Protein backbone atom coordinates (compact mmCIF):
# COMPACT_ATOMS: atom_id res chain seq x y z
CA MET A 1 22.81 -1.25 14.60
CA ALA A 2 19.21 -2.39 14.27
CA ILE A 3 17.01 -5.44 13.88
CA ALA A 4 14.37 -5.45 11.13
CA ARG A 5 11.58 -8.02 10.93
CA THR A 6 8.86 -9.42 8.72
CA ALA A 7 5.84 -11.08 10.33
CA PRO A 8 2.47 -11.75 8.65
CA LEU A 9 -1.00 -11.04 9.96
CA HIS A 10 -1.70 -14.00 12.23
CA GLU A 11 -4.39 -14.70 14.83
CA GLY A 12 -5.14 -11.03 15.34
CA THR A 13 -1.56 -9.80 15.56
CA GLU A 14 -0.62 -6.87 13.34
CA PRO A 15 1.68 -7.58 10.39
CA VAL A 16 5.28 -6.32 10.54
CA ARG A 17 7.00 -5.12 7.34
CA GLU A 18 10.15 -3.52 8.71
CA ILE A 19 12.45 -5.34 6.29
CA GLU A 20 10.60 -4.09 3.23
CA ALA A 21 10.63 -0.53 4.59
CA LEU A 22 14.36 -0.78 5.25
CA TYR A 23 15.06 -2.06 1.72
CA LEU A 24 13.05 0.80 0.19
CA ASP A 25 14.69 3.45 2.38
CA ALA A 26 18.18 2.11 1.68
CA ILE A 27 17.60 2.03 -2.09
CA ALA A 28 16.23 5.58 -2.02
CA ALA A 29 19.20 6.84 0.02
CA ALA A 30 21.95 5.18 -2.07
CA GLY A 31 24.52 7.52 -3.55
CA ARG A 32 26.93 5.44 -5.64
CA THR A 33 26.41 1.69 -5.30
CA ILE A 34 23.76 -0.83 -4.27
CA TYR A 35 25.15 -4.36 -3.90
CA CYS A 36 22.84 -7.33 -3.23
CA GLU A 37 23.31 -11.06 -2.88
CA SER A 38 20.09 -13.08 -2.80
CA GLN A 39 18.58 -16.39 -3.83
CA TYR A 40 15.85 -14.56 -5.74
CA PHE A 41 14.90 -11.34 -7.48
CA ALA A 42 11.12 -11.47 -7.33
CA SER A 43 9.80 -8.56 -5.26
CA ARG A 44 8.02 -6.11 -7.52
CA ARG A 45 8.19 -3.30 -4.94
CA ILE A 46 11.94 -3.67 -4.61
CA ALA A 47 12.36 -3.82 -8.39
CA GLU A 48 10.23 -0.70 -8.85
CA ALA A 49 12.29 1.16 -6.24
CA MET A 50 15.41 0.22 -8.20
CA THR A 51 13.92 1.34 -11.51
CA THR A 52 13.19 4.74 -9.98
CA ARG A 53 16.88 5.15 -9.13
CA LEU A 54 18.04 3.81 -12.50
CA ARG A 55 16.05 6.45 -14.35
CA GLN A 56 17.80 9.23 -12.46
CA GLY A 57 20.85 10.74 -14.10
CA ASP A 58 22.79 10.78 -10.84
CA GLY A 59 21.48 7.49 -9.45
CA PRO A 60 23.62 4.60 -8.13
CA GLU A 61 24.99 1.52 -9.81
CA ILE A 62 22.96 -1.54 -8.85
CA LEU A 63 24.57 -5.00 -8.75
CA ILE A 64 22.71 -8.19 -7.87
CA ILE A 65 24.34 -11.60 -7.39
CA ASN A 66 21.80 -14.37 -8.06
CA PRO A 67 22.00 -18.11 -8.77
CA GLU A 68 21.48 -19.23 -12.35
CA SER A 69 18.21 -20.88 -11.30
CA ALA A 70 16.23 -21.42 -8.13
CA ASP A 71 16.56 -24.80 -6.41
CA GLY A 72 13.75 -27.26 -7.21
CA PHE A 73 11.09 -27.39 -9.90
CA LEU A 74 8.36 -25.30 -8.26
CA GLU A 75 10.78 -22.68 -6.96
CA ALA A 76 12.37 -22.43 -10.39
CA VAL A 77 8.98 -21.95 -12.05
CA ALA A 78 7.93 -19.28 -9.56
CA MET A 79 11.17 -17.43 -8.84
CA ASP A 80 12.85 -17.63 -12.25
CA SER A 81 9.63 -16.55 -13.98
CA ALA A 82 9.17 -13.58 -11.67
CA ARG A 83 12.82 -12.63 -12.10
CA ALA A 84 12.55 -12.65 -15.90
CA ARG A 85 9.45 -10.44 -15.71
CA LEU A 86 11.07 -7.93 -13.36
CA LEU A 87 14.31 -7.79 -15.34
CA LYS A 88 12.30 -6.51 -18.29
CA LEU A 89 11.11 -3.60 -16.13
CA VAL A 90 14.67 -2.96 -15.02
CA ALA A 91 16.04 -3.08 -18.57
CA GLU A 92 13.51 -0.48 -19.71
CA ALA A 93 14.51 1.83 -16.85
CA ASP A 94 18.29 1.34 -17.15
CA ARG A 95 18.83 4.38 -19.36
CA HIS A 96 22.35 5.00 -18.06
CA ASN A 97 23.64 1.39 -18.15
CA ARG A 98 24.05 1.14 -14.37
CA PHE A 99 22.41 -2.23 -13.64
CA ARG A 100 24.05 -5.66 -13.63
CA MET A 101 22.89 -9.09 -12.51
CA TYR A 102 25.66 -11.65 -12.23
CA THR A 103 25.69 -15.35 -11.39
CA PRO A 104 28.80 -17.05 -9.95
CA VAL A 105 30.44 -19.96 -11.79
CA THR A 106 33.35 -22.33 -11.25
CA SER A 107 36.50 -22.28 -13.37
CA ARG A 108 34.73 -24.83 -15.59
CA ARG A 109 31.77 -22.45 -15.85
CA ARG A 110 29.42 -24.60 -13.80
CA PRO A 111 26.92 -22.52 -11.82
CA ILE A 112 27.47 -21.94 -8.09
CA TYR A 113 24.27 -21.66 -6.07
CA VAL A 114 23.73 -18.41 -4.15
CA HIS A 115 22.04 -18.68 -0.75
CA ALA A 116 23.24 -15.38 0.72
CA LYS A 117 20.94 -12.53 1.83
CA ILE A 118 23.06 -9.38 1.86
CA LEU A 119 22.49 -5.71 1.03
CA ILE A 120 25.35 -3.18 1.02
CA VAL A 121 24.75 0.46 0.12
CA ASP A 122 27.79 2.65 -0.58
CA ASP A 123 30.15 2.63 2.41
CA ARG A 124 27.28 3.47 4.73
CA PHE A 125 24.88 0.57 5.16
CA LEU A 126 25.09 -3.22 5.52
CA LYS A 127 22.21 -5.63 6.09
CA VAL A 128 22.39 -9.40 6.49
CA GLY A 129 19.80 -11.89 7.68
CA SER A 130 17.14 -14.30 6.50
CA SER A 131 15.20 -12.18 3.99
CA ASN A 132 15.37 -12.66 0.23
CA LEU A 133 14.39 -10.27 -2.57
CA ASN A 134 10.98 -11.88 -3.00
CA ASN A 135 7.39 -11.19 -1.96
CA ARG A 136 7.28 -13.82 0.78
CA SER A 137 10.16 -12.20 2.64
CA MET A 138 8.46 -8.81 2.49
CA GLY A 139 5.13 -9.81 4.03
CA PHE A 140 4.26 -13.51 4.23
CA ASP A 141 7.16 -15.33 5.90
CA THR A 142 8.72 -14.65 9.29
CA GLU A 143 12.14 -13.04 8.75
CA CYS A 144 14.81 -11.25 10.79
CA ASP A 145 17.69 -9.11 9.52
CA LEU A 146 20.52 -7.25 11.23
CA ALA A 147 21.44 -3.82 9.80
CA ILE A 148 24.42 -1.54 10.42
CA ASP A 149 24.46 2.16 9.52
CA SER A 150 27.91 3.75 9.64
CA LEU A 151 26.48 7.23 10.17
CA SER A 152 24.59 6.31 13.34
CA ASP A 153 27.64 7.02 15.53
CA PRO A 154 29.99 9.84 14.40
CA ALA A 155 32.76 8.55 16.68
CA THR A 156 33.05 5.26 14.78
CA ALA A 157 31.72 6.29 11.34
CA SER A 158 35.06 6.30 9.52
CA GLU A 159 36.10 2.86 10.77
CA CYS A 160 32.65 1.45 10.09
CA ARG A 161 32.65 2.74 6.50
CA GLN A 162 35.99 1.08 5.85
CA LEU A 163 34.72 -2.21 7.25
CA ILE A 164 31.54 -2.12 5.12
CA VAL A 165 33.55 -1.58 1.92
CA MET A 166 35.96 -4.32 3.00
CA VAL A 167 33.07 -6.76 3.38
CA ARG A 168 31.78 -5.91 -0.12
CA ASP A 169 35.22 -6.24 -1.72
CA ASP A 170 35.87 -9.51 0.11
CA LEU A 171 32.59 -10.96 -1.17
CA LEU A 172 33.41 -9.91 -4.71
CA ALA A 173 36.92 -11.34 -4.38
CA GLU A 174 35.44 -14.69 -3.37
CA HIS A 175 33.23 -14.70 -6.48
CA LEU A 176 36.02 -13.53 -8.79
CA GLY A 177 38.71 -15.92 -7.51
CA THR A 178 41.04 -13.15 -6.36
CA ASP A 179 41.95 -11.05 -3.31
CA ALA A 180 39.96 -8.21 -1.77
CA SER A 181 42.89 -5.85 -2.31
CA VAL A 182 42.79 -6.60 -6.05
CA VAL A 183 39.07 -5.80 -6.15
CA ARG A 184 39.63 -2.59 -4.18
CA ASP A 185 42.37 -1.44 -6.55
CA ALA A 186 40.30 -2.30 -9.64
CA VAL A 187 37.28 -0.36 -8.36
CA ARG A 188 39.46 2.65 -7.56
CA ALA A 189 41.23 2.51 -10.93
CA GLN A 190 37.98 2.22 -12.88
CA GLY A 191 36.00 4.64 -10.71
CA SER A 192 33.10 2.17 -10.73
CA VAL A 193 32.25 -1.11 -9.00
CA ILE A 194 30.71 -2.49 -12.21
CA ALA A 195 33.72 -1.52 -14.31
CA GLY A 196 36.05 -2.90 -11.65
CA ILE A 197 34.26 -6.26 -11.66
CA GLU A 198 34.25 -6.49 -15.44
CA SER A 199 37.96 -5.72 -15.59
CA LEU A 200 38.59 -8.76 -13.36
CA ILE A 201 36.34 -11.33 -15.10
CA THR A 202 38.49 -14.06 -16.67
CA ASN A 203 38.05 -17.61 -17.97
CA ASP A 204 40.91 -19.04 -15.90
CA VAL A 205 39.33 -19.10 -12.43
CA LYS A 206 35.89 -19.08 -10.89
CA SER A 207 34.16 -15.86 -11.73
CA LEU A 208 30.95 -13.93 -12.26
CA VAL A 209 29.07 -14.03 -15.55
CA PRO A 210 26.15 -11.85 -16.68
CA TYR A 211 22.77 -13.47 -16.08
CA ARG A 212 20.64 -13.89 -19.22
CA PRO A 213 16.95 -14.65 -18.58
CA ARG A 214 15.26 -17.20 -20.80
CA GLU A 215 11.93 -16.63 -22.51
CA LEU A 216 8.87 -17.63 -20.49
CA ASN A 217 6.13 -19.91 -21.78
CA ALA A 218 2.45 -18.95 -21.35
CA GLY A 219 1.95 -20.85 -18.10
CA GLU A 220 5.08 -19.43 -16.50
CA SER A 221 4.08 -15.91 -17.49
CA GLN A 222 0.68 -16.32 -15.80
CA LEU A 223 2.24 -17.67 -12.61
CA ALA A 224 4.75 -14.85 -12.50
CA GLU A 225 2.07 -12.22 -13.08
CA ASN A 226 -0.15 -13.53 -10.29
CA ASP A 227 2.58 -14.24 -7.71
CA LEU A 228 0.72 -17.44 -6.85
CA LEU A 229 3.78 -19.28 -5.53
CA ASP A 230 5.37 -16.16 -3.99
CA PRO A 231 2.54 -14.37 -2.15
CA GLU A 232 2.85 -11.11 -0.24
CA GLY A 233 0.22 -12.05 2.31
CA PRO A 234 -1.66 -14.86 4.04
CA PRO A 235 -3.97 -17.54 2.55
CA SER A 236 -6.92 -15.30 1.62
CA LEU A 237 -4.65 -13.62 -0.93
CA LEU A 238 -3.58 -17.02 -2.21
CA ARG A 239 -7.20 -18.04 -2.77
CA ARG A 240 -7.81 -14.89 -4.80
CA GLY A 241 -4.71 -15.64 -6.86
CA VAL A 242 -5.89 -19.17 -7.62
CA ALA A 243 -9.32 -17.86 -8.61
CA ARG A 244 -7.74 -15.40 -11.07
CA LEU A 245 -5.65 -18.15 -12.63
CA ARG A 246 -8.69 -20.41 -13.00
CA ARG A 247 -10.57 -17.64 -14.78
CA ARG A 248 -7.62 -17.33 -17.16
CA SER A 249 -7.66 -21.09 -17.81
CA VAL A 250 -4.08 -21.70 -16.66
CA PHE A 251 -5.10 -24.94 -14.88
CA ARG A 252 -7.37 -26.24 -17.63
């Protein structure tokens, strides 16, 4: 068990980017499945790490649970625009059809907002805490996550692996309006978490639906490209981002 942190450069203290390093290491080490729940999908470094795995013939399935849209006008402009941009990168890399982004909905197909921050890799690794899949959580905000690695103690590894899978299946059961045992059996029968989920999607109860990004307008594309509202670092980087946008006439 470990604690991972993010802390920005501040008043002479060194920045801490443990959470980003842990995300990248976990994605690189994944064997079969990467499962994420997050408010956002806006970190380019995380997305690029995922595209590397998606290009590999023996890489893992990657599933992300996101809300249909970020909460609030400015967040929606920043986060939804960045997500649409990064999903294009992912789609180009997904040569083996192993990536899915779902959004949860009610039985009447009204969107359910996602505020979770969870990463589960195979039956080995679980991380939960305050960090989202966006730039701010990787370097600008102050964040703290708790991580569990089932292989860290051989004496408890088997029990820990079972518990990690149980947590994943229980989360999916909540989204799909069913029981964890039903999810477990579907995944085993299909030999794939993605196929198991899609075999359980119905119109009768709350469920998961594939996320479809909308087309960005010119202003949204510029904001997404410059990460103005989702910076990786402190204010000096923000000032440079604003200057770039002014040169490109976004604010004129």
